Amino acid sequence: MIGAGKGNMRAAVWYNNRDIRIEEMPVPKIGPGELLLRVEASGICGSDVMEWYRLDRAPLILGHEIGAQVVGVGSGVENFKEGDRVSAAHHVPCNTCYYCLRGHHTMCDTLRKTNFFPGGFAEYVRLPAINVERGVFRLPDELSYEDATFIEPLACVLRGQRIARMQPGNSVLIIGSGIAGLLHLQLARTLGAGRVVATDINQFRLDAAKRFGAGTAIHAQEDLPARLREVNDGNLADLVIVCAGAAEAIKQALQSVERGGTVLLFAPTDPGASIPISLNDVFWRTDVTLTTSYGASPYDYQTALDIIRAGTIPVRQMITHRLPLAEAGLGFHLVAEAGDSIKVIIEPQK
């Protein structure tokens, strides 16, 4: 029985963004405390196409946003059984270290070393015992496997806005209207933002931002601070969330945040990127806070699942492409090009 870890399976192996090969490998064998999952849906994350971050480790089987079914249960596992529909965190914290005890779970050394094997762009994945213990989330009947692929990205967005101290009534500027920006947009509205403005350089994504609730969508090449004052009662933004990795986006953010406001750097830049900052002009006498966010904690995963279950954020409407495993290369191309796509889902069983 293949679900017991016998036979071969297909996987989309990443060599670079233009070289994705469908290869065969053995179905992972599970041990005590572990689970074998059949992957039904796996989302392509923006981080999956950051070549500078991954090329030195290629070839890789990526994919960490999954909806799956349990098909194998290791000895000692009591909370899950074959047939359960689940999502799983690829990284899990220890919950006992210096960082975890201070609420910085994503700084935990254990979190940064844990992962499932081989990755969500394969027909099956093995969950190590620590992931089974701390990072598996049973899907309610009303959630589809596609819905489940949004749990991890929304969890990251939740953590980001918590760190940025998003408050009801805040005016929010979102720079970059890809999937992360659109999730930030909708969460900010859910949390009671007073006005939400979105930017991008791509008209398709600007239109999507309007469709998903932005009060105003501004092309990023416009005079952003001036346009922001036009639509925000003469003020800049209380909270600026940078979801684009370009250094120019960070410059725009620092020019567009109101005194006493916060800039959240959510997207990484290319390695070595830097921008000159006048500390006096940007920070002194302005009380501007500059902060970052990486990853998500188990608490954020569960909260994201609850939000999706409630239908508060219509995640399924954000899916633009559903592709079989054999077309994973096309999926990576769509995400890397950042053109007429928002969320691309790979279906490994097809």
Protein backbone atom coordinates (compact mmCIF):
# COMPACT_ATOMS: atom_id res chain seq x y z
CA MET A 1 0.00 0.00 0.00
CA ILE A 2 1.54 3.31 -1.09
CA GLY A 3 0.07 5.10 1.93
CA ALA A 4 2.19 2.94 4.19
CA GLY A 5 5.37 4.31 2.67
CA LYS A 6 5.92 1.79 -0.14
CA GLY A 7 6.48 2.40 -3.83
CA ASN A 8 7.39 5.58 -5.63
CA MET A 9 5.82 9.00 -5.95
CA ARG A 10 6.21 12.04 -8.18
CA ALA A 11 7.70 15.32 -7.02
CA ALA A 12 8.37 18.67 -8.68
CA VAL A 13 12.09 19.25 -8.15
CA TRP A 14 13.28 22.87 -8.25
CA TYR A 15 16.65 23.57 -9.86
CA ASN A 16 15.85 27.22 -10.55
CA ASN A 17 12.73 29.18 -11.46
CA ARG A 18 13.01 28.12 -15.09
CA ASP A 19 13.97 24.51 -14.43
CA ILE A 20 11.36 22.46 -12.55
CA ARG A 21 11.56 18.73 -13.22
CA ILE A 22 8.99 16.06 -12.39
CA GLU A 23 10.99 13.23 -10.89
CA GLU A 24 10.23 9.98 -9.10
CA MET A 25 11.41 9.16 -5.61
CA PRO A 26 10.42 6.67 -2.92
CA VAL A 27 7.37 7.44 -0.82
CA PRO A 28 8.74 8.51 2.59
CA LYS A 29 8.73 5.86 5.32
CA ILE A 30 7.40 6.97 8.68
CA GLY A 31 8.58 6.05 12.15
CA PRO A 32 7.16 6.34 15.68
CA GLY A 33 5.25 9.54 16.29
CA GLU A 34 5.20 10.48 12.61
CA LEU A 35 2.50 10.92 9.96
CA LEU A 36 2.41 10.33 6.24
CA LEU A 37 0.27 12.85 4.38
CA ARG A 38 -1.11 12.69 0.85
CA VAL A 39 -0.84 16.24 -0.44
CA GLU A 40 -4.03 17.40 -2.15
CA ALA A 41 -3.16 21.09 -2.61
CA SER A 42 0.01 23.12 -2.18
CA GLY A 43 0.37 26.87 -2.71
CA ILE A 44 3.38 28.50 -4.33
CA CYS A 45 4.73 31.14 -1.95
CA GLY A 46 6.61 34.23 -3.06
CA SER A 47 9.58 32.95 -1.07
CA ASP A 48 9.62 29.80 -3.25
CA VAL A 49 10.78 31.89 -6.22
CA MET A 50 13.55 33.82 -4.38
CA GLU A 51 16.43 32.26 -6.28
CA TRP A 52 19.13 34.08 -4.30
CA TYR A 53 17.80 32.40 -1.16
CA ARG A 54 17.77 28.85 -2.54
CA LEU A 55 20.15 28.34 -5.49
CA ASP A 56 23.08 27.20 -3.36
CA ARG A 57 20.89 24.39 -1.97
CA ALA A 58 19.29 23.21 -5.25
CA PRO A 59 17.91 20.81 -6.25
CA LEU A 60 15.03 21.17 -3.80
CA ILE A 61 11.47 20.01 -3.36
CA LEU A 62 9.70 23.10 -2.09
CA GLY A 63 6.15 23.74 -0.91
CA HIS A 64 5.06 24.56 2.63
CA GLU A 65 1.44 25.75 2.24
CA ILE A 66 -0.44 22.46 2.21
CA GLY A 67 -3.84 20.84 2.50
CA ALA A 68 -3.53 17.07 2.89
CA GLN A 69 -5.03 13.81 4.08
CA VAL A 70 -3.47 11.47 6.64
CA VAL A 71 -2.68 8.13 4.98
CA GLY A 72 -0.14 6.69 7.41
CA VAL A 73 0.10 6.87 11.21
CA GLY A 74 3.22 6.00 13.17
CA SER A 75 3.14 4.14 16.45
CA GLY A 76 2.34 6.31 19.43
CA VAL A 77 0.27 8.86 17.51
CA GLU A 78 -3.09 9.14 19.24
CA ASN A 79 -4.57 12.43 18.04
CA PHE A 80 -4.75 11.63 14.33
CA LYS A 81 -5.95 8.74 12.22
CA GLU A 82 -5.98 7.71 8.58
CA GLY A 83 -8.48 9.77 6.62
CA ASP A 84 -8.13 12.93 8.71
CA ARG A 85 -8.01 16.11 6.64
CA VAL A 86 -5.25 18.42 7.87
CA SER A 87 -2.86 21.25 7.27
CA ALA A 88 0.59 21.32 8.82
CA ALA A 89 3.26 23.82 9.82
CA HIS A 90 6.61 23.10 8.22
CA HIS A 91 8.49 24.90 11.01
CA VAL A 92 7.59 24.45 14.70
CA PRO A 93 9.13 26.03 17.82
CA CYS A 94 10.39 24.33 20.99
CA ASN A 95 8.19 26.54 23.24
CA THR A 96 10.81 26.48 26.03
CA CYS A 97 13.83 28.50 24.84
CA TYR A 98 14.78 32.12 25.57
CA TYR A 99 12.97 33.34 22.43
CA CYS A 100 9.80 31.28 22.79
CA LEU A 101 9.32 32.30 26.41
CA ARG A 102 9.45 35.95 25.32
CA GLY A 103 6.91 35.47 22.56
CA HIS A 104 9.45 35.43 19.71
CA HIS A 105 8.69 31.89 18.55
CA THR A 106 9.97 32.45 15.02
CA MET A 107 13.42 33.29 16.37
CA CYS A 108 13.60 29.82 17.96
CA ASP A 109 16.54 27.66 16.81
CA THR A 110 14.28 24.60 16.77
CA LEU A 111 11.76 26.33 14.49
CA ARG A 112 14.51 27.17 12.02
CA LYS A 113 15.75 23.57 11.93
CA THR A 114 12.41 21.75 11.63
CA ASN A 115 10.64 20.91 8.39
CA PHE A 116 8.54 18.20 6.78
CA PHE A 117 9.96 15.91 4.09
CA PRO A 118 10.38 16.32 1.20
CA GLY A 119 8.08 19.31 0.53
CA GLY A 120 4.54 20.11 -0.51
CA PHE A 121 5.20 19.85 -4.26
CA ALA A 122 5.24 16.07 -3.93
CA GLU A 123 2.47 13.51 -3.78
CA TYR A 124 3.30 12.57 -0.17
CA VAL A 125 5.14 14.16 2.75
CA ARG A 126 6.40 12.78 6.05
CA LEU A 127 5.79 14.82 9.19
CA PRO A 128 8.44 14.34 11.90
CA ALA A 129 7.17 13.65 15.42
CA ILE A 130 7.83 17.22 16.62
CA ASN A 131 5.69 18.61 13.77
CA VAL A 132 2.94 16.10 14.55
CA GLU A 133 3.01 17.14 18.19
CA ARG A 134 3.03 20.92 17.65
CA GLY A 135 2.05 21.79 14.11
CA VAL A 136 -0.82 19.75 12.67
CA PHE A 137 -4.24 21.36 12.32
CA ARG A 138 -7.36 19.33 11.61
CA LEU A 139 -9.53 20.90 8.90
CA PRO A 140 -13.21 21.53 9.64
CA ASP A 141 -15.58 19.94 7.15
CA GLU A 142 -16.38 23.30 5.56
CA LEU A 143 -12.73 24.02 4.69
CA SER A 144 -11.39 22.68 1.41
CA TYR A 145 -7.81 21.60 0.81
CA GLU A 146 -7.41 24.78 -1.25
CA ASP A 147 -8.56 26.86 1.71
CA ALA A 148 -5.95 25.13 3.85
CA THR A 149 -3.12 26.44 1.67
CA PHE A 150 -3.89 29.95 2.95
CA ILE A 151 -3.44 29.09 6.64
CA GLU A 152 0.34 29.54 6.67
CA PRO A 153 0.48 32.82 4.68
CA LEU A 154 -2.39 34.32 6.68
CA ALA A 155 -0.69 33.24 9.92
CA CYS A 156 2.42 35.17 8.85
CA VAL A 157 0.27 38.22 8.09
CA LEU A 158 -1.42 37.96 11.50
CA ARG A 159 1.92 37.94 13.26
CA GLY A 160 3.10 40.91 11.23
CA GLN A 161 0.12 43.08 12.11
CA ARG A 162 0.33 42.06 15.75
CA ILE A 163 3.97 43.14 15.90
CA ALA A 164 3.10 46.37 14.07
CA ARG A 165 0.33 47.01 16.66
CA MET A 166 -2.40 47.51 14.09
CA GLN A 167 -5.28 49.36 15.81
CA PRO A 168 -8.91 50.03 14.83
CA GLY A 169 -9.17 53.37 13.09
CA ASN A 170 -5.61 53.29 11.75
CA SER A 171 -5.05 54.44 8.20
CA VAL A 172 -3.07 51.73 6.42
CA LEU A 173 -0.90 51.89 3.31
CA ILE A 174 0.06 48.60 1.70
CA ILE A 175 2.97 48.75 -0.74
CA GLY A 176 2.77 45.74 -3.06
CA SER A 177 -0.55 44.03 -3.85
CA GLY A 178 0.50 40.44 -4.42
CA ILE A 179 -0.92 37.68 -2.25
CA ALA A 180 0.75 38.95 0.94
CA GLY A 181 -0.39 42.51 0.32
CA LEU A 182 -3.95 41.44 -0.38
CA LEU A 183 -4.08 39.34 2.78
CA HIS A 184 -2.72 42.29 4.78
CA LEU A 185 -5.33 44.51 3.15
CA GLN A 186 -8.21 42.24 4.11
CA LEU A 187 -6.94 41.58 7.62
CA ALA A 188 -6.49 45.31 8.27
CA ARG A 189 -10.09 45.88 7.19
CA THR A 190 -11.21 43.03 9.43
CA LEU A 191 -9.38 44.60 12.37
CA GLY A 192 -11.15 47.92 11.81
CA ALA A 193 -8.73 50.00 9.78
CA GLY A 194 -10.12 53.44 9.05
CA ARG A 195 -8.81 53.70 5.50
CA VAL A 196 -6.77 51.22 3.48
CA VAL A 197 -4.73 52.32 0.46
CA ALA A 198 -2.87 49.86 -1.76
CA THR A 199 -0.12 50.32 -4.34
CA ASP A 200 1.54 48.23 -7.03
CA ILE A 201 3.22 48.64 -10.40
CA ASN A 202 0.89 46.07 -11.99
CA GLN A 203 -2.64 47.07 -13.05
CA PHE A 204 -3.97 43.54 -12.62
CA ARG A 205 -2.99 43.63 -8.96
CA LEU A 206 -4.24 47.18 -8.47
CA ASP A 207 -7.63 46.02 -9.77
CA ALA A 208 -7.46 43.05 -7.38
CA ALA A 209 -6.71 45.39 -4.47
CA LYS A 210 -9.85 47.38 -5.25
CA ARG A 211 -11.85 44.19 -5.57
CA PHE A 212 -10.67 42.95 -2.18
CA GLY A 213 -11.46 46.14 -0.33
CA ALA A 214 -8.87 48.86 -0.82
CA GLY A 215 -10.46 52.27 -0.59
CA THR A 216 -7.90 53.58 -3.06
CA ALA A 217 -5.40 51.85 -5.34
CA ILE A 218 -2.44 53.96 -6.47
CA HIS A 219 0.17 53.13 -9.08
CA ALA A 220 3.53 52.94 -7.30
CA GLN A 221 5.17 55.31 -9.79
CA GLU A 222 2.95 58.20 -8.70
CA ASP A 223 3.94 60.71 -6.02
CA LEU A 224 2.78 58.43 -3.23
CA PRO A 225 2.95 60.81 -0.23
CA ALA A 226 1.07 63.50 -2.18
CA ARG A 227 -1.60 61.09 -3.40
CA LEU A 228 -1.93 59.63 0.08
CA ARG A 229 -2.63 63.05 1.58
CA GLU A 230 -5.28 63.62 -1.11
CA VAL A 231 -7.27 60.56 -0.10
CA ASN A 232 -6.48 60.49 3.63
CA ASP A 233 -7.74 63.85 4.89
CA GLY A 234 -4.35 65.49 4.43
CA ASN A 235 -2.48 62.87 6.45
CA LEU A 236 0.07 60.21 5.73
CA ALA A 237 -0.53 56.62 6.89
CA ASP A 238 -0.52 55.44 10.50
CA LEU A 239 0.73 52.03 9.39
CA VAL A 240 2.71 51.27 6.23
CA ILE A 241 3.17 47.59 5.33
CA VAL A 242 5.88 46.88 2.76
CA CYS A 243 5.07 43.73 0.79
CA ALA A 244 7.47 44.43 -2.07
CA GLY A 245 11.16 43.59 -1.92
CA ALA A 246 12.43 46.59 -3.88
CA ALA A 247 14.56 49.12 -2.01
CA GLU A 248 12.47 51.87 -3.63
CA ALA A 249 9.40 50.50 -1.84
CA ILE A 250 11.12 50.99 1.52
CA LYS A 251 12.02 54.55 0.58
CA GLN A 252 8.38 55.21 -0.31
CA ALA A 253 7.27 53.71 2.98
CA LEU A 254 9.50 56.01 5.03
CA GLN A 255 8.19 58.99 3.08
CA SER A 256 4.58 57.91 3.55
CA VAL A 257 4.31 57.17 7.28
CA GLU A 258 2.72 59.71 9.60
CA ARG A 259 4.42 61.01 12.75
CA GLY A 260 3.96 58.43 15.47
CA GLY A 261 3.28 55.76 12.85
CA THR A 262 4.82 52.38 12.07
CA VAL A 263 6.51 50.86 9.03
CA LEU A 264 6.37 47.07 8.85
CA LEU A 265 8.96 45.52 6.52
CA PHE A 266 7.19 42.28 5.58
CA ALA A 267 8.99 41.33 2.36
CA PRO A 268 12.75 40.66 2.20
CA THR A 269 14.97 42.53 -0.22
CA ASP A 270 17.68 41.06 -2.40
CA PRO A 271 20.85 40.22 -0.40
CA GLY A 272 23.09 43.20 0.23
CA ALA A 273 20.38 45.74 -0.58
CA SER A 274 20.58 48.94 1.46
CA ILE A 275 19.10 52.40 1.45
CA PRO A 276 20.42 55.63 2.93
CA ILE A 277 18.32 56.88 5.83
CA SER A 278 18.54 60.31 7.44
CA LEU A 279 18.02 59.31 11.07
CA ASN A 280 17.08 62.84 12.07
CA ASP A 281 14.58 63.35 9.27
CA VAL A 282 12.98 59.90 9.53
CA PHE A 283 13.07 59.09 13.24
CA TRP A 284 14.11 61.96 15.50
CA ARG A 285 11.09 64.00 16.67
CA THR A 286 8.73 61.82 14.61
CA ASP A 287 8.37 58.74 16.88
CA VAL A 288 8.25 56.53 13.79
CA THR A 289 8.70 52.82 14.49
CA LEU A 290 10.45 50.58 11.94
CA THR A 291 9.86 46.87 12.49
CA THR A 292 9.99 43.50 10.72
CA SER A 293 8.22 40.16 10.92
CA TYR A 294 9.26 36.65 9.97
CA GLY A 295 7.14 33.51 9.94
CA ALA A 296 4.34 32.58 12.32
CA SER A 297 3.74 30.79 15.61
CA PRO A 298 1.32 27.87 16.22
CA TYR A 299 -1.06 30.39 17.79
CA ASP A 300 -1.08 32.37 14.55
CA TYR A 301 -1.78 29.20 12.54
CA GLN A 302 -4.81 28.36 14.66
CA THR A 303 -6.11 31.93 14.50
CA ALA A 304 -5.68 31.98 10.72
CA LEU A 305 -7.59 28.72 10.42
CA ASP A 306 -10.42 30.18 12.53
CA ILE A 307 -10.59 33.33 10.38
CA ILE A 308 -10.73 31.30 7.17
CA ARG A 309 -13.36 29.00 8.65
CA ALA A 310 -15.51 31.99 9.57
CA GLY A 311 -15.35 33.26 5.99
CA THR A 312 -14.07 36.62 7.17
CA ILE A 313 -11.44 36.65 4.42
CA PRO A 314 -12.66 35.02 1.16
CA VAL A 315 -9.42 33.22 0.40
CA ARG A 316 -10.79 30.99 -2.34
CA GLN A 317 -11.59 34.05 -4.44
CA MET A 318 -7.88 34.85 -4.51
CA ILE A 319 -6.93 31.70 -6.41
CA THR A 320 -6.17 32.52 -10.05
CA HIS A 321 -4.56 29.24 -11.14
CA ARG A 322 -4.98 25.56 -10.25
CA LEU A 323 -2.37 23.35 -11.88
CA PRO A 324 -1.53 19.63 -11.83
CA LEU A 325 1.90 18.60 -10.60
CA ALA A 326 3.16 18.18 -14.15
CA GLU A 327 2.61 21.92 -14.72
CA ALA A 328 4.49 23.06 -11.62
CA GLY A 329 7.02 24.77 -13.89
CA LEU A 330 4.27 26.98 -15.28
CA GLY A 331 3.18 27.76 -11.74
CA PHE A 332 6.66 28.92 -10.76
CA HIS A 333 6.84 31.03 -13.92
CA LEU A 334 3.53 32.72 -13.08
CA VAL A 335 4.59 33.54 -9.53
CA ALA A 336 8.09 34.69 -10.50
CA GLU A 337 6.74 36.97 -13.24
CA ALA A 338 4.18 38.51 -10.85
CA GLY A 339 1.89 39.34 -13.74
CA ASP A 340 -1.73 38.22 -14.07
CA SER A 341 -1.74 35.87 -11.10
CA ILE A 342 -2.48 36.15 -7.42
CA LYS A 343 -2.49 32.67 -5.85
CA VAL A 344 -1.23 29.64 -7.75
CA ILE A 345 -2.17 26.22 -6.38
CA ILE A 346 -0.45 22.96 -7.32
CA GLU A 347 -2.56 19.79 -7.05
CA PRO A 348 -0.03 16.93 -6.68
CA GLN A 349 -2.60 14.15 -7.11
CA LYS A 350 -3.51 15.35 -10.61
